[in-house]
Amino acid sequence: MSLPGIRAVPTSATTLVAICKKCGKKVGGGFGEDGSKSLAKALIKTLGLPKWKRSPIRIVETGCMKLCPRRAVAVTTSRDPGLVYVVPQDTPVIDVAVQLGLTAI
């Protein structure tokens, strides 16, 4: 049974990563080679993900997660929906990807 106006759209994505945009603004980037990129952009570049529609991993910036860590960013994934990771500013992006289960070591 489907409700009027609601439809399901197939996607190639198997994992969703939600990153708090408000935390990212507070730390002012802090990730990537020169420390000037947001965590979302740094993860996309480090993992070499294709365009959003074709990517197996969807990385999105969300509204506030109400955790508000100091000098860190709140992150959650569809692989661990019961956990919110607190990623300190200047953490190597590859370490973040491994911790989130996005890549093997």
PDB file of N, CA and C in Angstrom:
ATOM      1  N   MET A   1       0.843  -1.181   0.000  1.00  0.00           N
ATOM      2  CA  MET A   1       0.000   0.000   0.000  1.00  0.00           C
ATOM      3  C   MET A   1       0.886   1.242   0.000  1.00  0.00           C
ATOM      4  N   SER A   2       0.602   2.157  -0.864  1.00  0.00           N
ATOM      5  CA  SER A   2       1.357   3.409  -0.879  1.00  0.00           C
ATOM      6  C   SER A   2       0.402   4.578  -0.714  1.00  0.00           C
ATOM      7  N   LEU A   3       0.874   5.576  -0.048  1.00  0.00           N
ATOM      8  CA  LEU A   3       0.067   6.771   0.177  1.00  0.00           C
ATOM      9  C   LEU A   3       0.226   7.719  -0.997  1.00  0.00           C
ATOM     10  N   PRO A   4      -0.788   8.487  -1.314  1.00  0.00           N
ATOM     11  CA  PRO A   4      -0.690   9.421  -2.430  1.00  0.00           C
ATOM     12  C   PRO A   4       0.420  10.454  -2.194  1.00  0.00           C
ATOM     13  N   GLY A   5       1.234  10.684  -3.216  1.00  0.00           N
ATOM     14  CA  GLY A   5       2.293  11.682  -3.146  1.00  0.00           C
ATOM     15  C   GLY A   5       3.607  11.163  -2.607  1.00  0.00           C
ATOM     16  N   ILE A   6       3.606   9.970  -2.011  1.00  0.00           N
ATOM     17  CA  ILE A   6       4.841   9.400  -1.487  1.00  0.00           C
ATOM     18  C   ILE A   6       5.325   8.341  -2.463  1.00  0.00           C
ATOM     19  N   ARG A   7       6.604   8.439  -2.821  1.00  0.00           N
ATOM     20  CA  ARG A   7       7.145   7.446  -3.747  1.00  0.00           C
ATOM     21  C   ARG A   7       8.532   7.029  -3.288  1.00  0.00           C
ATOM     22  N   ALA A   8       8.925   5.838  -3.673  1.00  0.00           N
ATOM     23  CA  ALA A   8      10.244   5.321  -3.342  1.00  0.00           C
ATOM     24  C   ALA A   8      11.135   5.465  -4.569  1.00  0.00           C
ATOM     25  N   VAL A   9      12.347   5.949  -4.367  1.00  0.00           N
ATOM     26  CA  VAL A   9      13.290   6.153  -5.457  1.00  0.00           C
ATOM     27  C   VAL A   9      14.514   5.280  -5.184  1.00  0.00           C
ATOM     28  N   PRO A  10      14.863   4.393  -6.113  1.00  0.00           N
ATOM     29  CA  PRO A  10      16.042   3.545  -5.885  1.00  0.00           C
ATOM     30  C   PRO A  10      17.337   4.365  -5.914  1.00  0.00           C
ATOM     31  N   THR A  11      18.317   3.906  -5.149  1.00  0.00           N
ATOM     32  CA  THR A  11      19.598   4.598  -5.081  1.00  0.00           C
ATOM     33  C   THR A  11      20.728   3.576  -4.995  1.00  0.00           C
ATOM     34  N   SER A  12      21.895   3.974  -5.408  1.00  0.00           N
ATOM     35  CA  SER A  12      23.053   3.083  -5.315  1.00  0.00           C
ATOM     36  C   SER A  12      23.755   3.211  -3.970  1.00  0.00           C
ATOM     37  N   ALA A  13      23.325   4.154  -3.142  1.00  0.00           N
ATOM     38  CA  ALA A  13      23.972   4.386  -1.849  1.00  0.00           C
ATOM     39  C   ALA A  13      23.649   3.276  -0.864  1.00  0.00           C
ATOM     40  N   THR A  14      24.664   2.843  -0.125  1.00  0.00           N
ATOM     41  CA  THR A  14      24.482   1.834   0.909  1.00  0.00           C
ATOM     42  C   THR A  14      24.753   2.399   2.299  1.00  0.00           C
ATOM     43  N   THR A  15      25.379   3.569   2.361  1.00  0.00           N
ATOM     44  CA  THR A  15      25.729   4.185   3.637  1.00  0.00           C
ATOM     45  C   THR A  15      25.440   5.682   3.595  1.00  0.00           C
ATOM     46  N   LEU A  16      24.892   6.190   4.686  1.00  0.00           N
ATOM     47  CA  LEU A  16      24.642   7.621   4.831  1.00  0.00           C
ATOM     48  C   LEU A  16      25.475   8.124   6.002  1.00  0.00           C
ATOM     49  N   VAL A  17      26.204   9.214   5.780  1.00  0.00           N
ATOM     50  CA  VAL A  17      26.998   9.855   6.830  1.00  0.00           C
ATOM     51  C   VAL A  17      26.428  11.252   7.031  1.00  0.00           C
ATOM     52  N   ALA A  18      25.971  11.543   8.250  1.00  0.00           N
ATOM     53  CA  ALA A  18      25.414  12.852   8.570  1.00  0.00           C
ATOM     54  C   ALA A  18      26.395  13.599   9.465  1.00  0.00           C
ATOM     55  N   ILE A  19      26.785  14.799   9.016  1.00  0.00           N
ATOM     56  CA  ILE A  19      27.758  15.611   9.742  1.00  0.00           C
ATOM     57  C   ILE A  19      27.094  16.921  10.141  1.00  0.00           C
ATOM     58  N   CYS A  20      27.225  17.296  11.409  1.00  0.00           N
ATOM     59  CA  CYS A  20      26.603  18.511  11.906  1.00  0.00           C
ATOM     60  C   CYS A  20      27.237  19.744  11.256  1.00  0.00           C
ATOM     61  N   LYS A  21      26.434  20.488  10.526  1.00  0.00           N
ATOM     62  CA  LYS A  21      26.925  21.676   9.832  1.00  0.00           C
ATOM     63  C   LYS A  21      27.270  22.800  10.823  1.00  0.00           C
ATOM     64  N   LYS A  22      26.501  22.883  11.904  1.00  0.00           N
ATOM     65  CA  LYS A  22      26.748  23.925  12.903  1.00  0.00           C
ATOM     66  C   LYS A  22      28.102  23.714  13.591  1.00  0.00           C
ATOM     67  N   CYS A  23      28.417  22.454  13.923  1.00  0.00           N
ATOM     68  CA  CYS A  23      29.734  22.146  14.507  1.00  0.00           C
ATOM     69  C   CYS A  23      30.844  22.511  13.528  1.00  0.00           C
ATOM     70  N   GLY A  24      30.625  22.180  12.251  1.00  0.00           N
ATOM     71  CA  GLY A  24      31.614  22.483  11.224  1.00  0.00           C
ATOM     72  C   GLY A  24      31.887  23.971  11.106  1.00  0.00           C
ATOM     73  N   LYS A  25      30.827  24.773  11.243  1.00  0.00           N
ATOM     74  CA  LYS A  25      31.015  26.230  11.185  1.00  0.00           C
ATOM     75  C   LYS A  25      31.797  26.729  12.400  1.00  0.00           C
ATOM     76  N   LYS A  26      31.511  26.144  13.559  1.00  0.00           N
ATOM     77  CA  LYS A  26      32.202  26.581  14.779  1.00  0.00           C
ATOM     78  C   LYS A  26      33.699  26.314  14.718  1.00  0.00           C
ATOM     79  N   VAL A  27      34.096  25.152  14.163  1.00  0.00           N
ATOM     80  CA  VAL A  27      35.522  24.860  14.078  1.00  0.00           C
ATOM     81  C   VAL A  27      36.161  25.531  12.871  1.00  0.00           C
ATOM     82  N   GLY A  28      35.364  26.067  11.960  1.00  0.00           N
ATOM     83  CA  GLY A  28      35.907  26.814  10.820  1.00  0.00           C
ATOM     84  C   GLY A  28      36.706  25.955   9.863  1.00  0.00           C
ATOM     85  N   GLY A  29      36.186  24.787   9.545  1.00  0.00           N
ATOM     86  CA  GLY A  29      36.925  23.868   8.673  1.00  0.00           C
ATOM     87  C   GLY A  29      37.717  22.923   9.539  1.00  0.00           C
ATOM     88  N   GLY A  30      39.022  23.026   9.501  1.00  0.00           N
ATOM     89  CA  GLY A  30      39.864  22.244  10.384  1.00  0.00           C
ATOM     90  C   GLY A  30      40.237  20.863   9.886  1.00  0.00           C
ATOM     91  N   PHE A  31      39.880  20.531   8.645  1.00  0.00           N
ATOM     92  CA  PHE A  31      40.179  19.207   8.119  1.00  0.00           C
ATOM     93  C   PHE A  31      40.811  19.329   6.746  1.00  0.00           C
ATOM     94  N   GLY A  32      41.386  18.246   6.270  1.00  0.00           N
ATOM     95  CA  GLY A  32      42.051  18.257   4.975  1.00  0.00           C
ATOM     96  C   GLY A  32      43.530  18.560   5.125  1.00  0.00           C
ATOM     97  N   GLU A  33      44.213  18.609   3.990  1.00  0.00           N
ATOM     98  CA  GLU A  33      45.666  18.801   3.992  1.00  0.00           C
ATOM     99  C   GLU A  33      46.099  20.105   4.658  1.00  0.00           C
ATOM    100  N   ASP A  34      45.402  21.183   4.340  1.00  0.00           N
ATOM    101  CA  ASP A  34      45.797  22.476   4.897  1.00  0.00           C
ATOM    102  C   ASP A  34      44.894  22.930   6.045  1.00  0.00           C
ATOM    103  N   GLY A  35      43.944  22.078   6.440  1.00  0.00           N
ATOM    104  CA  GLY A  35      43.074  22.405   7.569  1.00  0.00           C
ATOM    105  C   GLY A  35      42.019  23.439   7.274  1.00  0.00           C
ATOM    106  N   SER A  36      41.701  23.667   6.000  1.00  0.00           N
ATOM    107  CA  SER A  36      40.726  24.703   5.669  1.00  0.00           C
ATOM    108  C   SER A  36      39.390  24.148   5.175  1.00  0.00           C
ATOM    109  N   LYS A  37      39.280  22.828   5.040  1.00  0.00           N
ATOM    110  CA  LYS A  37      38.058  22.242   4.489  1.00  0.00           C
ATOM    111  C   LYS A  37      37.136  21.739   5.592  1.00  0.00           C
ATOM    112  N   SER A  38      35.846  21.675   5.253  1.00  0.00           N
ATOM    113  CA  SER A  38      34.897  21.055   6.172  1.00  0.00           C
ATOM    114  C   SER A  38      35.151  19.554   6.168  1.00  0.00           C
ATOM    115  N   LEU A  39      34.690  18.875   7.197  1.00  0.00           N
ATOM    116  CA  LEU A  39      34.887  17.433   7.276  1.00  0.00           C
ATOM    117  C   LEU A  39      34.199  16.723   6.114  1.00  0.00           C
ATOM    118  N   ALA A  40      33.026  17.180   5.720  1.00  0.00           N
ATOM    119  CA  ALA A  40      32.298  16.558   4.611  1.00  0.00           C
ATOM    120  C   ALA A  40      33.107  16.624   3.317  1.00  0.00           C
ATOM    121  N   LYS A  41      33.596  17.791   2.978  1.00  0.00           N
ATOM    122  CA  LYS A  41      34.367  17.946   1.739  1.00  0.00           C
ATOM    123  C   LYS A  41      35.677  17.174   1.798  1.00  0.00           C
ATOM    124  N   ALA A  42      36.318  17.169   2.958  1.00  0.00           N
ATOM    125  CA  ALA A  42      37.573  16.443   3.107  1.00  0.00           C
ATOM    126  C   ALA A  42      37.355  14.930   2.970  1.00  0.00           C
ATOM    127  N   LEU A  43      36.254  14.406   3.531  1.00  0.00           N
ATOM    128  CA  LEU A  43      35.951  12.976   3.398  1.00  0.00           C
ATOM    129  C   LEU A  43      35.676  12.599   1.955  1.00  0.00           C
ATOM    130  N   ILE A  44      34.901  13.412   1.265  1.00  0.00           N
ATOM    131  CA  ILE A  44      34.582  13.143  -0.140  1.00  0.00           C
ATOM    132  C   ILE A  44      35.856  13.091  -0.971  1.00  0.00           C
ATOM    133  N   LYS A  45      36.762  14.045  -0.741  1.00  0.00           N
ATOM    134  CA  LYS A  45      38.008  14.076  -1.502  1.00  0.00           C
ATOM    135  C   LYS A  45      38.921  12.904  -1.135  1.00  0.00           C
ATOM    136  N   THR A  46      39.073  12.630   0.141  1.00  0.00           N
ATOM    137  CA  THR A  46      39.951  11.556   0.599  1.00  0.00           C
ATOM    138  C   THR A  46      39.477  10.192   0.103  1.00  0.00           C
ATOM    139  N   LEU A  47      38.176   9.969   0.131  1.00  0.00           N
ATOM    140  CA  LEU A  47      37.627   8.685  -0.301  1.00  0.00           C
ATOM    141  C   LEU A  47      37.505   8.586  -1.822  1.00  0.00           C
ATOM    142  N   GLY A  48      37.673   9.707  -2.523  1.00  0.00           N
ATOM    143  CA  GLY A  48      37.573   9.717  -3.980  1.00  0.00           C
ATOM    144  C   GLY A  48      36.190   9.317  -4.464  1.00  0.00           C
ATOM    145  N   LEU A  49      35.156   9.825  -3.784  1.00  0.00           N
ATOM    146  CA  LEU A  49      33.783   9.458  -4.128  1.00  0.00           C
ATOM    147  C   LEU A  49      33.339  10.096  -5.437  1.00  0.00           C
ATOM    148  N   PRO A  50      32.525   9.367  -6.222  1.00  0.00           N
ATOM    149  CA  PRO A  50      31.986   9.952  -7.450  1.00  0.00           C
ATOM    150  C   PRO A  50      30.895  10.968  -7.123  1.00  0.00           C
ATOM    151  N   LYS A  51      30.277  11.521  -8.145  1.00  0.00           N
ATOM    152  CA  LYS A  51      29.198  12.486  -7.948  1.00  0.00           C
ATOM    153  C   LYS A  51      28.136  11.891  -7.034  1.00  0.00           C
ATOM    154  N   TRP A  52      27.391  12.742  -6.375  1.00  0.00           N
ATOM    155  CA  TRP A  52      26.464  12.362  -5.326  1.00  0.00           C
ATOM    156  C   TRP A  52      25.485  11.272  -5.757  1.00  0.00           C
ATOM    157  N   LYS A  53      24.926  11.359  -6.936  1.00  0.00           N
ATOM    158  CA  LYS A  53      23.911  10.389  -7.370  1.00  0.00           C
ATOM    159  C   LYS A  53      24.478   8.995  -7.585  1.00  0.00           C
ATOM    160  N   ARG A  54      25.762   8.882  -7.882  1.00  0.00           N
ATOM    161  CA  ARG A  54      26.376   7.586  -8.166  1.00  0.00           C
ATOM    162  C   ARG A  54      27.179   7.023  -6.997  1.00  0.00           C
ATOM    163  N   SER A  55      27.306   7.775  -5.952  1.00  0.00           N
ATOM    164  CA  SER A  55      28.173   7.388  -4.840  1.00  0.00           C
ATOM    165  C   SER A  55      27.536   6.318  -3.953  1.00  0.00           C
ATOM    166  N   PRO A  56      28.320   5.310  -3.556  1.00  0.00           N
ATOM    167  CA  PRO A  56      27.800   4.308  -2.620  1.00  0.00           C
ATOM    168  C   PRO A  56      27.726   4.845  -1.187  1.00  0.00           C
ATOM    169  N   ILE A  57      28.418   5.957  -0.937  1.00  0.00           N
ATOM    170  CA  ILE A  57      28.400   6.600   0.375  1.00  0.00           C
ATOM    171  C   ILE A  57      27.871   8.017   0.200  1.00  0.00           C
ATOM    172  N   ARG A  58      26.777   8.336   0.867  1.00  0.00           N
ATOM    173  CA  ARG A  58      26.219   9.682   0.798  1.00  0.00           C
ATOM    174  C   ARG A  58      26.656  10.443   2.045  1.00  0.00           C
ATOM    175  N   ILE A  59      27.338  11.547   1.836  1.00  0.00           N
ATOM    176  CA  ILE A  59      27.796  12.386   2.936  1.00  0.00           C
ATOM    177  C   ILE A  59      27.009  13.688   2.881  1.00  0.00           C
ATOM    178  N   VAL A  60      26.264  13.979   3.949  1.00  0.00           N
ATOM    179  CA  VAL A  60      25.428  15.174   3.988  1.00  0.00           C
ATOM    180  C   VAL A  60      25.704  15.960   5.262  1.00  0.00           C
ATOM    181  N   GLU A  61      25.571  17.272   5.155  1.00  0.00           N
ATOM    182  CA  GLU A  61      25.669  18.133   6.330  1.00  0.00           C
ATOM    183  C   GLU A  61      24.245  18.405   6.802  1.00  0.00           C
ATOM    184  N   THR A  62      24.017  18.201   8.101  1.00  0.00           N
ATOM    185  CA  THR A  62      22.679  18.326   8.675  1.00  0.00           C
ATOM    186  C   THR A  62      22.607  19.526   9.598  1.00  0.00           C
ATOM    187  N   GLY A  63      21.446  19.725  10.149  1.00  0.00           N
ATOM    188  CA  GLY A  63      21.268  20.739  11.172  1.00  0.00           C
ATOM    189  C   GLY A  63      21.899  20.264  12.477  1.00  0.00           C
ATOM    190  N   CYS A  64      21.712  21.027  13.517  1.00  0.00           N
ATOM    191  CA  CYS A  64      22.335  20.746  14.808  1.00  0.00           C
ATOM    192  C   CYS A  64      21.876  19.400  15.372  1.00  0.00           C
ATOM    193  N   MET A  65      22.838  18.632  15.895  1.00  0.00           N
ATOM    194  CA  MET A  65      22.542  17.345  16.532  1.00  0.00           C
ATOM    195  C   MET A  65      22.396  17.484  18.047  1.00  0.00           C
ATOM    196  N   LYS A  66      22.484  18.707  18.562  1.00  0.00           N
ATOM    197  CA  LYS A  66      22.321  19.017  19.985  1.00  0.00           C
ATOM    198  C   LYS A  66      23.387  18.388  20.870  1.00  0.00           C
ATOM    199  N   LEU A  67      24.555  18.128  20.313  1.00  0.00           N
ATOM    200  CA  LEU A  67      25.666  17.599  21.100  1.00  0.00           C
ATOM    201  C   LEU A  67      26.667  18.724  21.396  1.00  0.00           C
ATOM    202  N   CYS A  68      26.971  19.530  20.394  1.00  0.00           N
ATOM    203  CA  CYS A  68      27.796  20.731  20.502  1.00  0.00           C
ATOM    204  C   CYS A  68      29.127  20.546  21.243  1.00  0.00           C
ATOM    205  N   PRO A  69      30.009  19.672  20.731  1.00  0.00           N
ATOM    206  CA  PRO A  69      31.315  19.498  21.371  1.00  0.00           C
ATOM    207  C   PRO A  69      32.225  20.694  21.086  1.00  0.00           C
ATOM    208  N   ARG A  70      33.184  20.933  21.953  1.00  0.00           N
ATOM    209  CA  ARG A  70      34.146  22.030  21.745  1.00  0.00           C
ATOM    210  C   ARG A  70      35.246  21.571  20.796  1.00  0.00           C
ATOM    211  N   ARG A  71      35.559  22.408  19.806  1.00  0.00           N
ATOM    212  CA  ARG A  71      36.622  22.154  18.831  1.00  0.00           C
ATOM    213  C   ARG A  71      36.522  20.758  18.202  1.00  0.00           C
ATOM    214  N   ALA A  72      35.274  20.332  17.923  1.00  0.00           N
ATOM    215  CA  ALA A  72      35.036  19.026  17.317  1.00  0.00           C
ATOM    216  C   ALA A  72      33.733  19.066  16.524  1.00  0.00           C
ATOM    217  N   VAL A  73      33.502  18.009  15.745  1.00  0.00           N
ATOM    218  CA  VAL A  73      32.319  17.913  14.899  1.00  0.00           C
ATOM    219  C   VAL A  73      31.573  16.632  15.240  1.00  0.00           C
ATOM    220  N   ALA A  74      30.239  16.714  15.341  1.00  0.00           N
ATOM    221  CA  ALA A  74      29.401  15.546  15.609  1.00  0.00           C
ATOM    222  C   ALA A  74      29.067  14.849  14.285  1.00  0.00           C
ATOM    223  N   VAL A  75      29.232  13.521  14.260  1.00  0.00           N
ATOM    224  CA  VAL A  75      29.015  12.732  13.046  1.00  0.00           C
ATOM    225  C   VAL A  75      28.260  11.455  13.413  1.00  0.00           C
ATOM    226  N   THR A  76      27.314  11.050  12.584  1.00  0.00           N
ATOM    227  CA  THR A  76      26.644   9.770  12.752  1.00  0.00           C
ATOM    228  C   THR A  76      26.521   9.089  11.395  1.00  0.00           C
ATOM    229  N   THR A  77      26.409   7.776  11.400  1.00  0.00           N
ATOM    230  CA  THR A  77      26.290   7.027  10.154  1.00  0.00           C
ATOM    231  C   THR A  77      25.116   6.064  10.224  1.00  0.00           C
ATOM    232  N   SER A  78      24.672   5.628   9.053  1.00  0.00           N
ATOM    233  CA  SER A  78      23.596   4.647   9.002  1.00  0.00           C
ATOM    234  C   SER A  78      24.087   3.269   9.435  1.00  0.00           C
ATOM    235  N   ARG A  79      25.389   3.048   9.474  1.00  0.00           N
ATOM    236  CA  ARG A  79      25.940   1.772   9.936  1.00  0.00           C
ATOM    237  C   ARG A  79      25.859   1.641  11.455  1.00  0.00           C
ATOM    238  N   ASP A  80      25.969   2.760  12.160  1.00  0.00           N
ATOM    239  CA  ASP A  80      25.875   2.790  13.624  1.00  0.00           C
ATOM    240  C   ASP A  80      24.860   3.845  14.040  1.00  0.00           C
ATOM    241  N   PRO A  81      23.556   3.606  13.811  1.00  0.00           N
ATOM    242  CA  PRO A  81      22.569   4.655  14.072  1.00  0.00           C
ATOM    243  C   PRO A  81      22.430   5.035  15.545  1.00  0.00           C
ATOM    244  N   GLY A  82      22.897   4.196  16.443  1.00  0.00           N
ATOM    245  CA  GLY A  82      22.800   4.498  17.866  1.00  0.00           C
ATOM    246  C   GLY A  82      23.980   5.263  18.417  1.00  0.00           C
ATOM    247  N   LEU A  83      24.951   5.610  17.564  1.00  0.00           N
ATOM    248  CA  LEU A  83      26.153   6.306  18.013  1.00  0.00           C
ATOM    249  C   LEU A  83      26.309   7.656  17.320  1.00  0.00           C
ATOM    250  N   VAL A  84      26.802   8.622  18.057  1.00  0.00           N
ATOM    251  CA  VAL A  84      27.227   9.897  17.480  1.00  0.00           C
ATOM    252  C   VAL A  84      28.707  10.018  17.801  1.00  0.00           C
ATOM    253  N   TYR A  85      29.523  10.135  16.769  1.00  0.00           N
ATOM    254  CA  TYR A  85      30.962  10.267  16.942  1.00  0.00           C
ATOM    255  C   TYR A  85      31.315  11.735  17.117  1.00  0.00           C
ATOM    256  N   VAL A  86      32.257  12.017  18.002  1.00  0.00           N
ATOM    257  CA  VAL A  86      32.775  13.368  18.203  1.00  0.00           C
ATOM    258  C   VAL A  86      34.177  13.364  17.608  1.00  0.00           C
ATOM    259  N   VAL A  87      34.330  14.076  16.483  1.00  0.00           N
ATOM    260  CA  VAL A  87      35.591  14.080  15.744  1.00  0.00           C
ATOM    261  C   VAL A  87      36.324  15.390  16.025  1.00  0.00           C
ATOM    262  N   PRO A  88      37.446  15.348  16.753  1.00  0.00           N
ATOM    263  CA  PRO A  88      38.191  16.572  17.049  1.00  0.00           C
ATOM    264  C   PRO A  88      38.749  17.232  15.784  1.00  0.00           C
ATOM    265  N   GLN A  89      38.815  18.535  15.833  1.00  0.00           N
ATOM    266  CA  GLN A  89      39.409  19.317  14.752  1.00  0.00           C
ATOM    267  C   GLN A  89      40.838  18.833  14.525  1.00  0.00           C
ATOM    268  N   ASP A  90      41.300  18.852  13.294  1.00  0.00           N
ATOM    269  CA  ASP A  90      42.653  18.445  12.888  1.00  0.00           C
ATOM    270  C   ASP A  90      42.910  16.934  12.957  1.00  0.00           C
ATOM    271  N   THR A  91      41.870  16.124  13.157  1.00  0.00           N
ATOM    272  CA  THR A  91      42.039  14.667  13.094  1.00  0.00           C
ATOM    273  C   THR A  91      42.290  14.301  11.637  1.00  0.00           C
ATOM    274  N   PRO A  92      43.274  13.443  11.337  1.00  0.00           N
ATOM    275  CA  PRO A  92      43.495  13.032   9.947  1.00  0.00           C
ATOM    276  C   PRO A  92      42.224  12.404   9.370  1.00  0.00           C
ATOM    277  N   VAL A  93      41.845  12.827   8.177  1.00  0.00           N
ATOM    278  CA  VAL A  93      40.588  12.416   7.565  1.00  0.00           C
ATOM    279  C   VAL A  93      40.552  10.912   7.312  1.00  0.00           C
ATOM    280  N   ILE A  94      41.671  10.315   6.974  1.00  0.00           N
ATOM    281  CA  ILE A  94      41.693   8.873   6.743  1.00  0.00           C
ATOM    282  C   ILE A  94      41.373   8.129   8.039  1.00  0.00           C
ATOM    283  N   ASP A  95      41.811   8.646   9.186  1.00  0.00           N
ATOM    284  CA  ASP A  95      41.477   8.038  10.476  1.00  0.00           C
ATOM    285  C   ASP A  95      39.971   8.116  10.746  1.00  0.00           C
ATOM    286  N   VAL A  96      39.370   9.237  10.376  1.00  0.00           N
ATOM    287  CA  VAL A  96      37.924   9.403  10.530  1.00  0.00           C
ATOM    288  C   VAL A  96      37.196   8.371   9.662  1.00  0.00           C
ATOM    289  N   ALA A  97      37.628   8.219   8.415  1.00  0.00           N
ATOM    290  CA  ALA A  97      37.004   7.275   7.491  1.00  0.00           C
ATOM    291  C   ALA A  97      37.092   5.838   8.024  1.00  0.00           C
ATOM    292  N   VAL A  98      38.229   5.469   8.570  1.00  0.00           N
ATOM    293  CA  VAL A  98      38.395   4.126   9.127  1.00  0.00           C
ATOM    294  C   VAL A  98      37.500   3.944  10.345  1.00  0.00           C
ATOM    295  N   GLN A  99      37.462   4.910  11.242  1.00  0.00           N
ATOM    296  CA  GLN A  99      36.633   4.823  12.446  1.00  0.00           C
ATOM    297  C   GLN A  99      35.148   4.694  12.100  1.00  0.00           C
ATOM    298  N   LEU A 100      34.714   5.387  11.052  1.00  0.00           N
ATOM    299  CA  LEU A 100      33.312   5.343  10.647  1.00  0.00           C
ATOM    300  C   LEU A 100      32.982   4.091   9.816  1.00  0.00           C
ATOM    301  N   GLY A 101      34.004   3.302   9.495  1.00  0.00           N
ATOM    302  CA  GLY A 101      33.780   2.088   8.720  1.00  0.00           C
ATOM    303  C   GLY A 101      33.579   2.339   7.237  1.00  0.00           C
ATOM    304  N   LEU A 102      34.111   3.447   6.741  1.00  0.00           N
ATOM    305  CA  LEU A 102      33.946   3.813   5.335  1.00  0.00           C
ATOM    306  C   LEU A 102      35.041   3.227   4.459  1.00  0.00           C
ATOM    307  N   THR A 103      36.139   2.794   5.067  1.00  0.00           N
ATOM    308  CA  THR A 103      37.256   2.223   4.314  1.00  0.00           C
ATOM    309  C   THR A 103      38.045   1.286   5.220  1.00  0.00           C
ATOM    310  N   ALA A 104      38.730   0.374   4.616  1.00  0.00           N
ATOM    311  CA  ALA A 104      39.601  -0.526   5.377  1.00  0.00           C
ATOM    312  C   ALA A 104      40.959   0.154   5.560  1.00  0.00           C
ATOM    313  N   ILE A 105      41.711  -0.293   6.522  1.00  0.00           N
ATOM    314  CA  ILE A 105      43.036   0.317   6.789  1.00  0.00           C
ATOM    315  C   ILE A 105      43.991   0.010   5.653  1.00  0.00           C
TER     316      ILE A 105
END
